[in-house]
C-alpha atoms as a PDB file:
ATOM      1  CA  MET A   1     -49.743  54.989 128.788  1.00  0.00           C
ATOM      2  CA  THR A   2     -50.665  57.929 130.997  1.00  0.00           C
ATOM      3  CA  SER A   3     -48.147  60.465 132.259  1.00  0.00           C
ATOM      4  CA  VAL A   4     -48.384  63.572 134.399  1.00  0.00           C
ATOM      5  CA  GLU A   5     -47.076  66.844 132.986  1.00  0.00           C
ATOM      6  CA  PRO A   6     -45.707  69.666 135.143  1.00  0.00           C
ATOM      7  CA  GLY A   7     -48.665  71.253 136.889  1.00  0.00           C
ATOM      8  CA  GLY A   8     -50.314  67.880 137.518  1.00  0.00           C
ATOM      9  CA  ARG A   9     -52.188  67.523 134.206  1.00  0.00           C
ATOM     10  CA  GLU A  10     -52.596  63.899 133.091  1.00  0.00           C
ATOM     11  CA  VAL A  11     -51.840  63.132 129.448  1.00  0.00           C
ATOM     12  CA  ASP A  12     -52.619  59.948 127.544  1.00  0.00           C
ATOM     13  CA  ASP A  13     -49.345  59.486 125.621  1.00  0.00           C
ATOM     14  CA  THR A  14     -50.747  56.840 123.271  1.00  0.00           C
ATOM     15  CA  ASP A  15     -53.087  59.391 121.681  1.00  0.00           C
ATOM     16  CA  ALA A  16     -50.253  61.896 121.242  1.00  0.00           C
ATOM     17  CA  GLY A  17     -48.132  59.490 119.175  1.00  0.00           C
ATOM     18  CA  TYR A  18     -45.199  59.428 121.596  1.00  0.00           C
ATOM     19  CA  VAL A  19     -44.050  57.662 124.733  1.00  0.00           C
ATOM     20  CA  ASP A  20     -42.026  59.122 127.589  1.00  0.00           C
ATOM     21  CA  GLY A  21     -38.249  59.260 127.743  1.00  0.00           C
ATOM     22  CA  ASN A  22     -38.026  55.959 129.603  1.00  0.00           C
ATOM     23  CA  ALA A  23     -38.159  54.388 126.125  1.00  0.00           C
ATOM     24  CA  LEU A  24     -34.545  55.572 125.734  1.00  0.00           C
ATOM     25  CA  ALA A  25     -33.327  53.398 128.648  1.00  0.00           C
ATOM     26  CA  GLY A  26     -32.741  50.207 126.668  1.00  0.00           C
ATOM     27  CA  PRO A  27     -31.138  51.660 123.553  1.00  0.00           C
ATOM     28  CA  LEU A  28     -28.894  54.057 125.512  1.00  0.00           C
ATOM     29  CA  SER A  29     -27.813  51.313 127.941  1.00  0.00           C
ATOM     30  CA  GLU A  30     -25.665  49.989 125.084  1.00  0.00           C
ATOM     31  CA  VAL A  31     -23.685  53.248 125.194  1.00  0.00           C
ATOM     32  CA  PHE A  32     -23.784  54.459 128.814  1.00  0.00           C
ATOM     33  CA  ALA A  33     -22.946  52.449 131.945  1.00  0.00           C
ATOM     34  CA  VAL A  34     -25.533  54.376 134.005  1.00  0.00           C
ATOM     35  CA  ASP A  35     -29.286  54.892 133.624  1.00  0.00           C
ATOM     36  CA  VAL A  36     -29.279  57.982 131.423  1.00  0.00           C
ATOM     37  CA  THR A  37     -33.035  58.535 131.805  1.00  0.00           C
ATOM     38  CA  THR A  38     -32.311  60.074 135.223  1.00  0.00           C
ATOM     39  CA  ALA A  39     -29.847  62.551 133.687  1.00  0.00           C
ATOM     40  CA  THR A  40     -30.886  66.195 133.613  1.00  0.00           C
ATOM     41  CA  CYS A  41     -30.895  67.828 130.196  1.00  0.00           C
ATOM     42  CA  ARG A  42     -31.492  71.409 129.063  1.00  0.00           C
ATOM     43  CA  CYS A  43     -33.279  72.266 125.809  1.00  0.00           C
ATOM     44  CA  ALA A  44     -31.212  74.405 123.437  1.00  0.00           C
ATOM     45  CA  ASN A  45     -34.367  76.098 122.165  1.00  0.00           C
ATOM     46  CA  CYS A  46     -36.399  77.077 125.258  1.00  0.00           C
ATOM     47  CA  GLY A  47     -34.028  76.340 128.163  1.00  0.00           C
ATOM     48  CA  CYS A  48     -36.423  73.871 129.830  1.00  0.00           C
ATOM     49  CA  THR A  49     -34.522  71.616 132.221  1.00  0.00           C
ATOM     50  CA  GLY A  50     -35.608  68.167 133.370  1.00  0.00           C
ATOM     51  CA  PRO A  51     -34.806  64.468 133.343  1.00  0.00           C
ATOM     52  CA  LEU A  52     -34.462  62.639 130.032  1.00  0.00           C
ATOM     53  CA  ALA A  53     -37.382  60.464 131.169  1.00  0.00           C
ATOM     54  CA  ARG A  54     -39.742  63.419 130.630  1.00  0.00           C
ATOM     55  CA  LEU A  55     -38.886  63.893 126.963  1.00  0.00           C
ATOM     56  CA  HIS A  56     -41.503  62.909 124.382  1.00  0.00           C
ATOM     57  CA  VAL A  57     -40.043  60.010 122.394  1.00  0.00           C
ATOM     58  CA  TYR A  58     -41.298  59.185 118.917  1.00  0.00           C
ATOM     59  CA  LYS A  59     -40.501  55.719 117.595  1.00  0.00           C
ATOM     60  CA  HIS A  60     -42.008  56.068 114.099  1.00  0.00           C
ATOM     61  CA  ALA A  61     -38.813  57.384 112.472  1.00  0.00           C
ATOM     62  CA  PRO A  62     -35.676  55.418 111.794  1.00  0.00           C
ATOM     63  CA  GLY A  63     -34.426  55.246 115.371  1.00  0.00           C
ATOM     64  CA  LEU A  64     -35.805  57.310 118.241  1.00  0.00           C
ATOM     65  CA  VAL A  65     -36.527  61.039 118.215  1.00  0.00           C
ATOM     66  CA  ALA A  66     -36.817  62.714 121.643  1.00  0.00           C
ATOM     67  CA  ARG A  67     -38.493  66.126 121.822  1.00  0.00           C
ATOM     68  CA  CYS A  68     -38.612  68.720 124.586  1.00  0.00           C
ATOM     69  CA  GLN A  69     -41.670  68.281 126.784  1.00  0.00           C
ATOM     70  CA  GLN A  70     -42.108  72.063 126.888  1.00  0.00           C
ATOM     71  CA  CYS A  71     -41.566  73.411 123.345  1.00  0.00           C
ATOM     72  CA  GLY A  72     -41.409  70.258 121.190  1.00  0.00           C
ATOM     73  CA  SER A  73     -37.935  70.908 119.734  1.00  0.00           C
ATOM     74  CA  VAL A  74     -35.833  67.860 118.886  1.00  0.00           C
ATOM     75  CA  MET A  75     -33.280  67.351 121.677  1.00  0.00           C
ATOM     76  CA  LEU A  76     -31.915  63.891 120.921  1.00  0.00           C
ATOM     77  CA  ARG A  77     -31.877  61.389 118.108  1.00  0.00           C
ATOM     78  CA  ALA A  78     -30.678  57.810 118.606  1.00  0.00           C
ATOM     79  CA  THR A  79     -30.273  55.347 115.754  1.00  0.00           C
ATOM     80  CA  ARG A  80     -28.857  51.830 115.967  1.00  0.00           C
ATOM     81  CA  THR A  81     -27.025  50.437 112.969  1.00  0.00           C
ATOM     82  CA  ARG A  82     -25.417  47.038 112.651  1.00  0.00           C
ATOM     83  CA  ASP A  83     -22.132  48.181 114.181  1.00  0.00           C
ATOM     84  CA  ALA A  84     -22.804  51.498 115.956  1.00  0.00           C
ATOM     85  CA  VAL A  85     -25.227  53.651 117.908  1.00  0.00           C
ATOM     86  CA  TRP A  86     -25.529  57.152 116.460  1.00  0.00           C
ATOM     87  CA  LEU A  87     -26.472  59.931 118.872  1.00  0.00           C
ATOM     88  CA  ASP A  88     -27.358  63.449 117.807  1.00  0.00           C
ATOM     89  CA  MET A  89     -27.741  65.646 120.883  1.00  0.00           C
ATOM     90  CA  SER A  90     -27.476  69.013 119.132  1.00  0.00           C
ATOM     91  CA  GLY A  91     -30.828  70.083 120.607  1.00  0.00           C
ATOM     92  CA  ALA A  92     -29.574  69.713 124.169  1.00  0.00           C
ATOM     93  CA  VAL A  93     -27.347  72.380 125.704  1.00  0.00           C
ATOM     94  CA  SER A  94     -26.187  70.075 128.474  1.00  0.00           C
ATOM     95  CA  LEU A  95     -26.622  66.625 129.976  1.00  0.00           C
ATOM     96  CA  ALA A  96     -25.861  66.146 133.688  1.00  0.00           C
ATOM     97  CA  ILE A  97     -25.519  62.443 134.524  1.00  0.00           C
ATOM     98  CA  PRO A  98     -25.824  61.603 138.236  1.00  0.00           C
ATOM     99  CA  LEU A  99     -22.957  59.436 139.447  1.00  0.00           C
ATOM    100  CA  GLY A 100     -24.283  58.599 142.883  1.00  0.00           C
ATOM    101  CA  GLU A 101     -22.387  59.067 146.106  1.00  0.00           C
ATOM    102  CA  THR A 102     -18.606  59.222 145.983  1.00  0.00           C
END
């Protein structure tokens, strides 16, 4: 999978060991009624702000680990157990979920 980083640089995500934040869409759809990948999040470490879809998601751990695209800090962890979805968002200062027009 190829993605484009800020500044227009193309990156082959398969070589980096991660996929983009769109990999969170399915698992988080069990928890949120909206597409959370379009939500804007802010990194607690470096302050980088952008859509969840731009996070670097690693699937090799138990669950999903999403890291900041700028500094690499862990922003979100999502793990599915038999009866719950566990979310750790301690690496994100905020999450702004667009609601559409009202």
